[in-house]
Amino acid sequence: MSRVRDVVHQRDLFSVEEHQTVAEVARKMGELHVGAIMVFRDRELRGVFSERDLMRRELGTRINSALEKLTPRERMVFELKDYHGLKLRTVGEILNTTEETAKNTLFRATQKLRGALSDMR
């Protein structure tokens, strides 16, 4: 079985301390042109932070922000349909409205979300 030191022999390894902010770590990764960086606390490896982690965090923040801009009804329809997988007929029944109204509300919510997240493509 290979040891870490054998695998990374003669490679530059970069690390940060656990207390550093995400912005500081992202800045350092950009300066170093690396896609991942080790995270230490008191000389003990605590994990690895990667570009994927950064993108996931940013995307989650952006989605939550976009969802907050929907009306309460739009958000409810969107969440019941997309998060809970309910049929539009069931969503309409839950909200005491028609399937067609639920469908139109979902369309509006989806359009707003697409607009709010369009620069993420």
PDB file of N, CA and C in Angstrom:
ATOM      1  N   MET A   1       0.845  -1.184   0.000  1.00  0.00           N
ATOM      2  CA  MET A   1       0.000   0.000   0.000  1.00  0.00           C
ATOM      3  C   MET A   1       0.887   1.242   0.000  1.00  0.00           C
ATOM      4  N   SER A   2       0.545   2.197  -0.861  1.00  0.00           N
ATOM      5  CA  SER A   2       1.326   3.431  -0.958  1.00  0.00           C
ATOM      6  C   SER A   2       1.069   4.332   0.233  1.00  0.00           C
ATOM      7  N   ARG A   3       2.087   5.064   0.591  1.00  0.00           N
ATOM      8  CA  ARG A   3       1.952   6.054   1.653  1.00  0.00           C
ATOM      9  C   ARG A   3       1.789   7.416   0.999  1.00  0.00           C
ATOM     10  N   VAL A   4       1.141   8.319   1.689  1.00  0.00           N
ATOM     11  CA  VAL A   4       0.897   9.655   1.153  1.00  0.00           C
ATOM     12  C   VAL A   4       2.196  10.306   0.710  1.00  0.00           C
ATOM     13  N   ARG A   5       3.222  10.224   1.516  1.00  0.00           N
ATOM     14  CA  ARG A   5       4.476  10.890   1.184  1.00  0.00           C
ATOM     15  C   ARG A   5       5.079  10.325  -0.107  1.00  0.00           C
ATOM     16  N   ASP A   6       4.836   9.035  -0.390  1.00  0.00           N
ATOM     17  CA  ASP A   6       5.344   8.446  -1.629  1.00  0.00           C
ATOM     18  C   ASP A   6       4.575   8.953  -2.848  1.00  0.00           C
ATOM     19  N   VAL A   7       3.270   9.113  -2.698  1.00  0.00           N
ATOM     20  CA  VAL A   7       2.432   9.560  -3.796  1.00  0.00           C
ATOM     21  C   VAL A   7       2.706  11.014  -4.149  1.00  0.00           C
ATOM     22  N   VAL A   8       2.919  11.841  -3.161  1.00  0.00           N
ATOM     23  CA  VAL A   8       3.091  13.273  -3.399  1.00  0.00           C
ATOM     24  C   VAL A   8       4.554  13.702  -3.440  1.00  0.00           C
ATOM     25  N   HIS A   9       5.437  12.752  -3.495  1.00  0.00           N
ATOM     26  CA  HIS A   9       6.870  13.045  -3.543  1.00  0.00           C
ATOM     27  C   HIS A   9       7.178  14.016  -4.680  1.00  0.00           C
ATOM     28  N   GLN A  10       7.916  15.043  -4.377  1.00  0.00           N
ATOM     29  CA  GLN A  10       8.365  16.060  -5.334  1.00  0.00           C
ATOM     30  C   GLN A  10       7.221  16.875  -5.936  1.00  0.00           C
ATOM     31  N   ARG A  11       6.116  16.992  -5.258  1.00  0.00           N
ATOM     32  CA  ARG A  11       5.020  17.855  -5.705  1.00  0.00           C
ATOM     33  C   ARG A  11       4.847  18.959  -4.670  1.00  0.00           C
ATOM     34  N   ASP A  12       4.447  20.117  -5.160  1.00  0.00           N
ATOM     35  CA  ASP A  12       4.144  21.203  -4.238  1.00  0.00           C
ATOM     36  C   ASP A  12       2.750  20.977  -3.666  1.00  0.00           C
ATOM     37  N   LEU A  13       2.660  20.987  -2.365  1.00  0.00           N
ATOM     38  CA  LEU A  13       1.374  20.841  -1.700  1.00  0.00           C
ATOM     39  C   LEU A  13       1.054  22.147  -0.991  1.00  0.00           C
ATOM     40  N   PHE A  14      -0.196  22.544  -1.090  1.00  0.00           N
ATOM     41  CA  PHE A  14      -0.604  23.812  -0.514  1.00  0.00           C
ATOM     42  C   PHE A  14      -1.667  23.557   0.540  1.00  0.00           C
ATOM     43  N   SER A  15      -1.605  24.382   1.574  1.00  0.00           N
ATOM     44  CA  SER A  15      -2.560  24.181   2.662  1.00  0.00           C
ATOM     45  C   SER A  15      -2.973  25.514   3.271  1.00  0.00           C
ATOM     46  N   VAL A  16      -4.056  25.446   4.013  1.00  0.00           N
ATOM     47  CA  VAL A  16      -4.563  26.590   4.768  1.00  0.00           C
ATOM     48  C   VAL A  16      -4.924  26.090   6.156  1.00  0.00           C
ATOM     49  N   GLU A  17      -5.116  27.028   7.052  1.00  0.00           N
ATOM     50  CA  GLU A  17      -5.569  26.685   8.400  1.00  0.00           C
ATOM     51  C   GLU A  17      -7.096  26.698   8.423  1.00  0.00           C
ATOM     52  N   GLU A  18      -7.654  25.862   9.256  1.00  0.00           N
ATOM     53  CA  GLU A  18      -9.100  25.678   9.333  1.00  0.00           C
ATOM     54  C   GLU A  18      -9.858  26.978   9.644  1.00  0.00           C
ATOM     55  N   HIS A  19      -9.246  27.896  10.342  1.00  0.00           N
ATOM     56  CA  HIS A  19      -9.922  29.132  10.753  1.00  0.00           C
ATOM     57  C   HIS A  19     -10.079  30.133   9.610  1.00  0.00           C
ATOM     58  N   GLN A  20      -9.400  29.914   8.483  1.00  0.00           N
ATOM     59  CA  GLN A  20      -9.472  30.870   7.375  1.00  0.00           C
ATOM     60  C   GLN A  20     -10.851  30.831   6.716  1.00  0.00           C
ATOM     61  N   THR A  21     -11.286  31.990   6.214  1.00  0.00           N
ATOM     62  CA  THR A  21     -12.602  32.088   5.586  1.00  0.00           C
ATOM     63  C   THR A  21     -12.583  31.466   4.199  1.00  0.00           C
ATOM     64  N   VAL A  22     -13.762  31.171   3.700  1.00  0.00           N
ATOM     65  CA  VAL A  22     -13.889  30.616   2.349  1.00  0.00           C
ATOM     66  C   VAL A  22     -13.309  31.592   1.333  1.00  0.00           C
ATOM     67  N   ALA A  23     -13.554  32.879   1.521  1.00  0.00           N
ATOM     68  CA  ALA A  23     -13.019  33.882   0.594  1.00  0.00           C
ATOM     69  C   ALA A  23     -11.493  33.876   0.590  1.00  0.00           C
ATOM     70  N   GLU A  24     -10.894  33.760   1.755  1.00  0.00           N
ATOM     71  CA  GLU A  24      -9.430  33.712   1.835  1.00  0.00           C
ATOM     72  C   GLU A  24      -8.882  32.469   1.140  1.00  0.00           C
ATOM     73  N   VAL A  25      -9.537  31.345   1.359  1.00  0.00           N
ATOM     74  CA  VAL A  25      -9.088  30.092   0.752  1.00  0.00           C
ATOM     75  C   VAL A  25      -9.252  30.159  -0.766  1.00  0.00           C
ATOM     76  N   ALA A  26     -10.385  30.679  -1.235  1.00  0.00           N
ATOM     77  CA  ALA A  26     -10.616  30.801  -2.685  1.00  0.00           C
ATOM     78  C   ALA A  26      -9.578  31.716  -3.316  1.00  0.00           C
ATOM     79  N   ARG A  27      -9.266  32.810  -2.642  1.00  0.00           N
ATOM     80  CA  ARG A  27      -8.257  33.746  -3.151  1.00  0.00           C
ATOM     81  C   ARG A  27      -6.893  33.049  -3.268  1.00  0.00           C
ATOM     82  N   LYS A  28      -6.536  32.302  -2.241  1.00  0.00           N
ATOM     83  CA  LYS A  28      -5.249  31.602  -2.251  1.00  0.00           C
ATOM     84  C   LYS A  28      -5.218  30.549  -3.359  1.00  0.00           C
ATOM     85  N   MET A  29      -6.319  29.811  -3.537  1.00  0.00           N
ATOM     86  CA  MET A  29      -6.373  28.810  -4.599  1.00  0.00           C
ATOM     87  C   MET A  29      -6.208  29.467  -5.964  1.00  0.00           C
ATOM     88  N   GLY A  30      -6.820  30.636  -6.147  1.00  0.00           N
ATOM     89  CA  GLY A  30      -6.683  31.365  -7.405  1.00  0.00           C
ATOM     90  C   GLY A  30      -5.263  31.835  -7.641  1.00  0.00           C
ATOM     91  N   GLU A  31      -4.642  32.352  -6.599  1.00  0.00           N
ATOM     92  CA  GLU A  31      -3.251  32.819  -6.721  1.00  0.00           C
ATOM     93  C   GLU A  31      -2.298  31.676  -7.048  1.00  0.00           C
ATOM     94  N   LEU A  32      -2.567  30.515  -6.483  1.00  0.00           N
ATOM     95  CA  LEU A  32      -1.696  29.352  -6.678  1.00  0.00           C
ATOM     96  C   LEU A  32      -2.067  28.535  -7.916  1.00  0.00           C
ATOM     97  N   HIS A  33      -3.229  28.851  -8.495  1.00  0.00           N
ATOM     98  CA  HIS A  33      -3.730  28.116  -9.664  1.00  0.00           C
ATOM     99  C   HIS A  33      -3.883  26.626  -9.352  1.00  0.00           C
ATOM    100  N   VAL A  34      -4.552  26.336  -8.240  1.00  0.00           N
ATOM    101  CA  VAL A  34      -4.804  24.955  -7.853  1.00  0.00           C
ATOM    102  C   VAL A  34      -6.309  24.738  -7.702  1.00  0.00           C
ATOM    103  N   GLY A  35      -6.750  23.509  -7.908  1.00  0.00           N
ATOM    104  CA  GLY A  35      -8.163  23.178  -7.815  1.00  0.00           C
ATOM    105  C   GLY A  35      -8.583  22.663  -6.456  1.00  0.00           C
ATOM    106  N   ALA A  36      -7.606  22.388  -5.595  1.00  0.00           N
ATOM    107  CA  ALA A  36      -7.920  21.894  -4.255  1.00  0.00           C
ATOM    108  C   ALA A  36      -6.779  22.263  -3.320  1.00  0.00           C
ATOM    109  N   ILE A  37      -7.118  22.337  -2.041  1.00  0.00           N
ATOM    110  CA  ILE A  37      -6.113  22.735  -1.055  1.00  0.00           C
ATOM    111  C   ILE A  37      -6.412  22.008   0.259  1.00  0.00           C
ATOM    112  N   MET A  38      -5.378  21.576   0.929  1.00  0.00           N
ATOM    113  CA  MET A  38      -5.556  20.852   2.192  1.00  0.00           C
ATOM    114  C   MET A  38      -5.863  21.833   3.325  1.00  0.00           C
ATOM    115  N   VAL A  39      -6.687  21.381   4.256  1.00  0.00           N
ATOM    116  CA  VAL A  39      -7.085  22.198   5.402  1.00  0.00           C
ATOM    117  C   VAL A  39      -6.558  21.534   6.673  1.00  0.00           C
ATOM    118  N   PHE A  40      -5.781  22.310   7.436  1.00  0.00           N
ATOM    119  CA  PHE A  40      -5.179  21.805   8.670  1.00  0.00           C
ATOM    120  C   PHE A  40      -5.672  22.575   9.882  1.00  0.00           C
ATOM    121  N   ARG A  41      -5.655  21.877  11.022  1.00  0.00           N
ATOM    122  CA  ARG A  41      -5.843  22.529  12.323  1.00  0.00           C
ATOM    123  C   ARG A  41      -4.783  21.943  13.238  1.00  0.00           C
ATOM    124  N   ASP A  42      -3.935  22.798  13.742  1.00  0.00           N
ATOM    125  CA  ASP A  42      -2.861  22.364  14.639  1.00  0.00           C
ATOM    126  C   ASP A  42      -2.054  21.209  14.035  1.00  0.00           C
ATOM    127  N   ARG A  43      -1.631  21.381  12.811  1.00  0.00           N
ATOM    128  CA  ARG A  43      -0.798  20.422  12.078  1.00  0.00           C
ATOM    129  C   ARG A  43      -1.482  19.091  11.788  1.00  0.00           C
ATOM    130  N   GLU A  44      -2.793  19.021  12.027  1.00  0.00           N
ATOM    131  CA  GLU A  44      -3.548  17.809  11.739  1.00  0.00           C
ATOM    132  C   GLU A  44      -4.438  18.063  10.526  1.00  0.00           C
ATOM    133  N   LEU A  45      -4.366  17.187   9.538  1.00  0.00           N
ATOM    134  CA  LEU A  45      -5.186  17.322   8.336  1.00  0.00           C
ATOM    135  C   LEU A  45      -6.656  17.162   8.703  1.00  0.00           C
ATOM    136  N   ARG A  46      -7.452  18.172   8.373  1.00  0.00           N
ATOM    137  CA  ARG A  46      -8.880  18.137   8.688  1.00  0.00           C
ATOM    138  C   ARG A  46      -9.728  17.840   7.456  1.00  0.00           C
ATOM    139  N   GLY A  47      -9.153  18.057   6.254  1.00  0.00           N
ATOM    140  CA  GLY A  47      -9.907  17.797   5.039  1.00  0.00           C
ATOM    141  C   GLY A  47      -9.271  18.484   3.855  1.00  0.00           C
ATOM    142  N   VAL A  48      -9.996  18.434   2.742  1.00  0.00           N
ATOM    143  CA  VAL A  48      -9.553  19.069   1.506  1.00  0.00           C
ATOM    144  C   VAL A  48     -10.700  19.935   1.005  1.00  0.00           C
ATOM    145  N   PHE A  49     -10.389  21.157   0.629  1.00  0.00           N
ATOM    146  CA  PHE A  49     -11.378  22.086   0.078  1.00  0.00           C
ATOM    147  C   PHE A  49     -11.092  22.221  -1.405  1.00  0.00           C
ATOM    148  N   SER A  50     -12.111  22.022  -2.236  1.00  0.00           N
ATOM    149  CA  SER A  50     -11.899  22.035  -3.682  1.00  0.00           C
ATOM    150  C   SER A  50     -12.759  23.077  -4.377  1.00  0.00           C
ATOM    151  N   GLU A  51     -12.479  23.286  -5.668  1.00  0.00           N
ATOM    152  CA  GLU A  51     -13.301  24.187  -6.481  1.00  0.00           C
ATOM    153  C   GLU A  51     -14.751  23.722  -6.474  1.00  0.00           C
ATOM    154  N   ARG A  52     -14.956  22.406  -6.492  1.00  0.00           N
ATOM    155  CA  ARG A  52     -16.313  21.859  -6.472  1.00  0.00           C
ATOM    156  C   ARG A  52     -17.034  22.276  -5.186  1.00  0.00           C
ATOM    157  N   ASP A  53     -16.348  22.242  -4.061  1.00  0.00           N
ATOM    158  CA  ASP A  53     -16.950  22.688  -2.800  1.00  0.00           C
ATOM    159  C   ASP A  53     -17.359  24.157  -2.892  1.00  0.00           C
ATOM    160  N   LEU A  54     -16.477  24.948  -3.477  1.00  0.00           N
ATOM    161  CA  LEU A  54     -16.740  26.377  -3.624  1.00  0.00           C
ATOM    162  C   LEU A  54     -17.949  26.617  -4.522  1.00  0.00           C
ATOM    163  N   MET A  55     -18.015  25.917  -5.645  1.00  0.00           N
ATOM    164  CA  MET A  55     -19.135  26.081  -6.569  1.00  0.00           C
ATOM    165  C   MET A  55     -20.445  25.613  -5.934  1.00  0.00           C
ATOM    166  N   ARG A  56     -20.396  24.510  -5.218  1.00  0.00           N
ATOM    167  CA  ARG A  56     -21.599  23.993  -4.558  1.00  0.00           C
ATOM    168  C   ARG A  56     -22.119  25.005  -3.530  1.00  0.00           C
ATOM    169  N   ARG A  57     -21.203  25.593  -2.796  1.00  0.00           N
ATOM    170  CA  ARG A  57     -21.587  26.580  -1.792  1.00  0.00           C
ATOM    171  C   ARG A  57     -22.191  27.828  -2.453  1.00  0.00           C
ATOM    172  N   GLU A  58     -21.547  28.293  -3.514  1.00  0.00           N
ATOM    173  CA  GLU A  58     -22.040  29.475  -4.236  1.00  0.00           C
ATOM    174  C   GLU A  58     -23.396  29.196  -4.871  1.00  0.00           C
ATOM    175  N   LEU A  59     -23.532  28.040  -5.496  1.00  0.00           N
ATOM    176  CA  LEU A  59     -24.797  27.695  -6.134  1.00  0.00           C
ATOM    177  C   LEU A  59     -25.914  27.610  -5.099  1.00  0.00           C
ATOM    178  N   GLY A  60     -25.646  26.988  -3.968  1.00  0.00           N
ATOM    179  CA  GLY A  60     -26.649  26.900  -2.911  1.00  0.00           C
ATOM    180  C   GLY A  60     -27.090  28.268  -2.417  1.00  0.00           C
ATOM    181  N   THR A  61     -26.139  29.152  -2.250  1.00  0.00           N
ATOM    182  CA  THR A  61     -26.455  30.520  -1.814  1.00  0.00           C
ATOM    183  C   THR A  61     -27.315  31.229  -2.847  1.00  0.00           C
ATOM    184  N   ARG A  62     -26.938  31.085  -4.117  1.00  0.00           N
ATOM    185  CA  ARG A  62     -27.690  31.750  -5.192  1.00  0.00           C
ATOM    186  C   ARG A  62     -29.105  31.184  -5.327  1.00  0.00           C
ATOM    187  N   ILE A  63     -29.253  29.868  -5.211  1.00  0.00           N
ATOM    188  CA  ILE A  63     -30.586  29.258  -5.305  1.00  0.00           C
ATOM    189  C   ILE A  63     -31.463  29.732  -4.160  1.00  0.00           C
ATOM    190  N   ASN A  64     -30.933  29.744  -2.948  1.00  0.00           N
ATOM    191  CA  ASN A  64     -31.720  30.222  -1.799  1.00  0.00           C
ATOM    192  C   ASN A  64     -32.134  31.670  -1.970  1.00  0.00           C
ATOM    193  N   SER A  65     -31.229  32.483  -2.473  1.00  0.00           N
ATOM    194  CA  SER A  65     -31.549  33.894  -2.714  1.00  0.00           C
ATOM    195  C   SER A  65     -32.658  34.027  -3.759  1.00  0.00           C
ATOM    196  N   ALA A  66     -32.572  33.240  -4.821  1.00  0.00           N
ATOM    197  CA  ALA A  66     -33.594  33.287  -5.871  1.00  0.00           C
ATOM    198  C   ALA A  66     -34.941  32.807  -5.340  1.00  0.00           C
ATOM    199  N   LEU A  67     -34.929  31.760  -4.519  1.00  0.00           N
ATOM    200  CA  LEU A  67     -36.179  31.254  -3.944  1.00  0.00           C
ATOM    201  C   LEU A  67     -36.842  32.289  -3.038  1.00  0.00           C
ATOM    202  N   GLU A  68     -36.040  33.071  -2.333  1.00  0.00           N
ATOM    203  CA  GLU A  68     -36.581  34.100  -1.443  1.00  0.00           C
ATOM    204  C   GLU A  68     -37.300  35.207  -2.211  1.00  0.00           C
ATOM    205  N   LYS A  69     -36.998  35.353  -3.497  1.00  0.00           N
ATOM    206  CA  LYS A  69     -37.632  36.391  -4.314  1.00  0.00           C
ATOM    207  C   LYS A  69     -38.977  35.963  -4.881  1.00  0.00           C
ATOM    208  N   LEU A  70     -39.314  34.679  -4.753  1.00  0.00           N
ATOM    209  CA  LEU A  70     -40.617  34.208  -5.212  1.00  0.00           C
ATOM    210  C   LEU A  70     -41.694  34.622  -4.215  1.00  0.00           C
ATOM    211  N   THR A  71     -42.925  34.727  -4.705  1.00  0.00           N
ATOM    212  CA  THR A  71     -44.029  34.957  -3.776  1.00  0.00           C
ATOM    213  C   THR A  71     -44.195  33.693  -2.933  1.00  0.00           C
ATOM    214  N   PRO A  72     -44.825  33.792  -1.780  1.00  0.00           N
ATOM    215  CA  PRO A  72     -45.019  32.593  -0.959  1.00  0.00           C
ATOM    216  C   PRO A  72     -45.744  31.468  -1.725  1.00  0.00           C
ATOM    217  N   ARG A  73     -46.718  31.832  -2.524  1.00  0.00           N
ATOM    218  CA  ARG A  73     -47.471  30.828  -3.290  1.00  0.00           C
ATOM    219  C   ARG A  73     -46.587  30.187  -4.364  1.00  0.00           C
ATOM    220  N   GLU A  74     -45.804  30.995  -5.072  1.00  0.00           N
ATOM    221  CA  GLU A  74     -44.898  30.452  -6.093  1.00  0.00           C
ATOM    222  C   GLU A  74     -43.891  29.500  -5.452  1.00  0.00           C
ATOM    223  N   ARG A  75     -43.365  29.900  -4.330  1.00  0.00           N
ATOM    224  CA  ARG A  75     -42.381  29.052  -3.661  1.00  0.00           C
ATOM    225  C   ARG A  75     -43.008  27.741  -3.199  1.00  0.00           C
ATOM    226  N   MET A  76     -44.216  27.820  -2.661  1.00  0.00           N
ATOM    227  CA  MET A  76     -44.905  26.622  -2.195  1.00  0.00           C
ATOM    228  C   MET A  76     -45.144  25.659  -3.360  1.00  0.00           C
ATOM    229  N   VAL A  77     -45.648  26.170  -4.475  1.00  0.00           N
ATOM    230  CA  VAL A  77     -45.905  25.318  -5.641  1.00  0.00           C
ATOM    231  C   VAL A  77     -44.597  24.718  -6.141  1.00  0.00           C
ATOM    232  N   PHE A  78     -43.569  25.529  -6.253  1.00  0.00           N
ATOM    233  CA  PHE A  78     -42.276  25.041  -6.734  1.00  0.00           C
ATOM    234  C   PHE A  78     -41.738  23.937  -5.821  1.00  0.00           C
ATOM    235  N   GLU A  79     -41.756  24.160  -4.528  1.00  0.00           N
ATOM    236  CA  GLU A  79     -41.217  23.177  -3.590  1.00  0.00           C
ATOM    237  C   GLU A  79     -42.049  21.893  -3.562  1.00  0.00           C
ATOM    238  N   LEU A  80     -43.371  22.017  -3.595  1.00  0.00           N
ATOM    239  CA  LEU A  80     -44.213  20.821  -3.596  1.00  0.00           C
ATOM    240  C   LEU A  80     -43.991  19.992  -4.849  1.00  0.00           C
ATOM    241  N   LYS A  81     -43.837  20.661  -5.968  1.00  0.00           N
ATOM    242  CA  LYS A  81     -43.648  19.948  -7.236  1.00  0.00           C
ATOM    243  C   LYS A  81     -42.221  19.426  -7.385  1.00  0.00           C
ATOM    244  N   ASP A  82     -41.240  20.299  -7.231  1.00  0.00           N
ATOM    245  CA  ASP A  82     -39.857  19.905  -7.534  1.00  0.00           C
ATOM    246  C   ASP A  82     -39.132  19.235  -6.374  1.00  0.00           C
ATOM    247  N   TYR A  83     -39.351  19.650  -5.162  1.00  0.00           N
ATOM    248  CA  TYR A  83     -38.654  19.046  -4.030  1.00  0.00           C
ATOM    249  C   TYR A  83     -39.364  17.798  -3.509  1.00  0.00           C
ATOM    250  N   HIS A  84     -40.700  17.847  -3.520  1.00  0.00           N
ATOM    251  CA  HIS A  84     -41.460  16.738  -2.961  1.00  0.00           C
ATOM    252  C   HIS A  84     -42.017  15.801  -4.033  1.00  0.00           C
ATOM    253  N   GLY A  85     -41.913  16.218  -5.296  1.00  0.00           N
ATOM    254  CA  GLY A  85     -42.315  15.355  -6.405  1.00  0.00           C
ATOM    255  C   GLY A  85     -43.807  15.139  -6.557  1.00  0.00           C
ATOM    256  N   LEU A  86     -44.597  16.058  -6.045  1.00  0.00           N
ATOM    257  CA  LEU A  86     -46.045  15.900  -6.156  1.00  0.00           C
ATOM    258  C   LEU A  86     -46.527  16.280  -7.556  1.00  0.00           C
ATOM    259  N   LYS A  87     -47.609  15.678  -7.972  1.00  0.00           N
ATOM    260  CA  LYS A  87     -48.229  16.017  -9.254  1.00  0.00           C
ATOM    261  C   LYS A  87     -48.939  17.357  -9.104  1.00  0.00           C
ATOM    262  N   LEU A  88     -49.078  18.071 -10.215  1.00  0.00           N
ATOM    263  CA  LEU A  88     -49.713  19.392 -10.169  1.00  0.00           C
ATOM    264  C   LEU A  88     -51.159  19.304  -9.675  1.00  0.00           C
ATOM    265  N   ARG A  89     -51.836  18.226 -10.003  1.00  0.00           N
ATOM    266  CA  ARG A  89     -53.206  18.050  -9.512  1.00  0.00           C
ATOM    267  C   ARG A  89     -53.215  18.017  -7.975  1.00  0.00           C
ATOM    268  N   THR A  90     -52.282  17.291  -7.395  1.00  0.00           N
ATOM    269  CA  THR A  90     -52.179  17.196  -5.937  1.00  0.00           C
ATOM    270  C   THR A  90     -51.788  18.538  -5.328  1.00  0.00           C
ATOM    271  N   VAL A  91     -50.859  19.246  -5.991  1.00  0.00           N
ATOM    272  CA  VAL A  91     -50.461  20.579  -5.523  1.00  0.00           C
ATOM    273  C   VAL A  91     -51.682  21.494  -5.511  1.00  0.00           C
ATOM    274  N   GLY A  92     -52.458  21.447  -6.588  1.00  0.00           N
ATOM    275  CA  GLY A  92     -53.683  22.254  -6.657  1.00  0.00           C
ATOM    276  C   GLY A  92     -54.643  21.926  -5.522  1.00  0.00           C
ATOM    277  N   GLU A  93     -54.819  20.656  -5.243  1.00  0.00           N
ATOM    278  CA  GLU A  93     -55.723  20.241  -4.161  1.00  0.00           C
ATOM    279  C   GLU A  93     -55.220  20.738  -2.809  1.00  0.00           C
ATOM    280  N   ILE A  94     -53.910  20.624  -2.576  1.00  0.00           N
ATOM    281  CA  ILE A  94     -53.336  21.078  -1.305  1.00  0.00           C
ATOM    282  C   ILE A  94     -53.559  22.574  -1.117  1.00  0.00           C
ATOM    283  N   LEU A  95     -53.418  23.338  -2.211  1.00  0.00           N
ATOM    284  CA  LEU A  95     -53.543  24.795  -2.142  1.00  0.00           C
ATOM    285  C   LEU A  95     -54.965  25.272  -2.420  1.00  0.00           C
ATOM    286  N   ASN A  96     -55.887  24.306  -2.512  1.00  0.00           N
ATOM    287  CA  ASN A  96     -57.292  24.631  -2.738  1.00  0.00           C
ATOM    288  C   ASN A  96     -57.492  25.473  -3.998  1.00  0.00           C
ATOM    289  N   THR A  97     -56.874  25.004  -5.080  1.00  0.00           N
ATOM    290  CA  THR A  97     -56.997  25.688  -6.365  1.00  0.00           C
ATOM    291  C   THR A  97     -57.002  24.626  -7.460  1.00  0.00           C
ATOM    292  N   THR A  98     -57.030  25.048  -8.695  1.00  0.00           N
ATOM    293  CA  THR A  98     -57.078  24.087  -9.805  1.00  0.00           C
ATOM    294  C   THR A  98     -55.673  23.658 -10.220  1.00  0.00           C
ATOM    295  N   GLU A  99     -55.635  22.551 -10.931  1.00  0.00           N
ATOM    296  CA  GLU A  99     -54.369  22.069 -11.478  1.00  0.00           C
ATOM    297  C   GLU A  99     -53.783  23.105 -12.444  1.00  0.00           C
ATOM    298  N   GLU A 100     -54.640  23.736 -13.235  1.00  0.00           N
ATOM    299  CA  GLU A 100     -54.191  24.742 -14.212  1.00  0.00           C
ATOM    300  C   GLU A 100     -53.575  25.952 -13.517  1.00  0.00           C
ATOM    301  N   THR A 101     -54.156  26.388 -12.417  1.00  0.00           N
ATOM    302  CA  THR A 101     -53.590  27.509 -11.662  1.00  0.00           C
ATOM    303  C   THR A 101     -52.247  27.124 -11.063  1.00  0.00           C
ATOM    304  N   ALA A 102     -52.150  25.927 -10.554  1.00  0.00           N
ATOM    305  CA  ALA A 102     -50.869  25.443 -10.016  1.00  0.00           C
ATOM    306  C   ALA A 102     -49.823  25.399 -11.124  1.00  0.00           C
ATOM    307  N   LYS A 103     -50.229  24.952 -12.307  1.00  0.00           N
ATOM    308  CA  LYS A 103     -49.320  24.881 -13.453  1.00  0.00           C
ATOM    309  C   LYS A 103     -48.825  26.278 -13.845  1.00  0.00           C
ATOM    310  N   ASN A 104     -49.716  27.234 -13.911  1.00  0.00           N
ATOM    311  CA  ASN A 104     -49.338  28.611 -14.251  1.00  0.00           C
ATOM    312  C   ASN A 104     -48.422  29.219 -13.195  1.00  0.00           C
ATOM    313  N   THR A 105     -48.711  28.948 -11.940  1.00  0.00           N
ATOM    314  CA  THR A 105     -47.873  29.453 -10.848  1.00  0.00           C
ATOM    315  C   THR A 105     -46.478  28.841 -10.919  1.00  0.00           C
ATOM    316  N   LEU A 106     -46.408  27.547 -11.203  1.00  0.00           N
ATOM    317  CA  LEU A 106     -45.117  26.877 -11.356  1.00  0.00           C
ATOM    318  C   LEU A 106     -44.338  27.473 -12.524  1.00  0.00           C
ATOM    319  N   PHE A 107     -45.024  27.763 -13.615  1.00  0.00           N
ATOM    320  CA  PHE A 107     -44.367  28.360 -14.776  1.00  0.00           C
ATOM    321  C   PHE A 107     -43.745  29.706 -14.402  1.00  0.00           C
ATOM    322  N   ARG A 108     -44.514  30.554 -13.717  1.00  0.00           N
ATOM    323  CA  ARG A 108     -43.998  31.866 -13.300  1.00  0.00           C
ATOM    324  C   ARG A 108     -42.795  31.715 -12.372  1.00  0.00           C
ATOM    325  N   ALA A 109     -42.897  30.809 -11.419  1.00  0.00           N
ATOM    326  CA  ALA A 109     -41.797  30.585 -10.475  1.00  0.00           C
ATOM    327  C   ALA A 109     -40.549  30.119 -11.219  1.00  0.00           C
ATOM    328  N   THR A 110     -40.718  29.189 -12.142  1.00  0.00           N
ATOM    329  CA  THR A 110     -39.586  28.659 -12.906  1.00  0.00           C
ATOM    330  C   THR A 110     -38.940  29.753 -13.747  1.00  0.00           C
ATOM    331  N   GLN A 111     -39.753  30.583 -14.361  1.00  0.00           N
ATOM    332  CA  GLN A 111     -39.215  31.694 -15.168  1.00  0.00           C
ATOM    333  C   GLN A 111     -38.403  32.661 -14.300  1.00  0.00           C
ATOM    334  N   LYS A 112     -38.913  32.978 -13.121  1.00  0.00           N
ATOM    335  CA  LYS A 112     -38.196  33.873 -12.207  1.00  0.00           C
ATOM    336  C   LYS A 112     -36.868  33.258 -11.770  1.00  0.00           C
ATOM    337  N   LEU A 113     -36.894  31.967 -11.451  1.00  0.00           N
ATOM    338  CA  LEU A 113     -35.671  31.295 -11.015  1.00  0.00           C
ATOM    339  C   LEU A 113     -34.643  31.238 -12.140  1.00  0.00           C
ATOM    340  N   ARG A 114     -35.092  30.923 -13.342  1.00  0.00           N
ATOM    341  CA  ARG A 114     -34.183  30.893 -14.489  1.00  0.00           C
ATOM    342  C   ARG A 114     -33.546  32.260 -14.715  1.00  0.00           C
ATOM    343  N   GLY A 115     -34.364  33.304 -14.600  1.00  0.00           N
ATOM    344  CA  GLY A 115     -33.834  34.665 -14.775  1.00  0.00           C
ATOM    345  C   GLY A 115     -32.807  35.011 -13.713  1.00  0.00           C
ATOM    346  N   ALA A 116     -33.104  34.649 -12.472  1.00  0.00           N
ATOM    347  CA  ALA A 116     -32.214  34.971 -11.361  1.00  0.00           C
ATOM    348  C   ALA A 116     -30.893  34.182 -11.432  1.00  0.00           C
ATOM    349  N   LEU A 117     -30.936  33.007 -12.051  1.00  0.00           N
ATOM    350  CA  LEU A 117     -29.758  32.139 -12.095  1.00  0.00           C
ATOM    351  C   LEU A 117     -29.125  32.051 -13.483  1.00  0.00           C
ATOM    352  N   SER A 118     -29.572  32.892 -14.405  1.00  0.00           N
ATOM    353  CA  SER A 118     -29.130  32.787 -15.799  1.00  0.00           C
ATOM    354  C   SER A 118     -27.618  32.951 -15.975  1.00  0.00           C
ATOM    355  N   ASP A 119     -26.985  33.727 -15.151  1.00  0.00           N
ATOM    356  CA  ASP A 119     -25.532  33.925 -15.298  1.00  0.00           C
ATOM    357  C   ASP A 119     -24.721  32.764 -14.738  1.00  0.00           C
ATOM    358  N   MET A 120     -25.379  31.764 -14.183  1.00  0.00           N
ATOM    359  CA  MET A 120     -24.679  30.611 -13.623  1.00  0.00           C
ATOM    360  C   MET A 120     -24.461  29.504 -14.660  1.00  0.00           C
ATOM    361  N   ARG A 121     -24.971  29.669 -15.865  1.00  0.00           N
ATOM    362  CA  ARG A 121     -24.856  28.615 -16.893  1.00  0.00           C
ATOM    363  C   ARG A 121     -23.466  28.515 -17.430  1.00  0.00           C
TER     364      ARG A 121
END
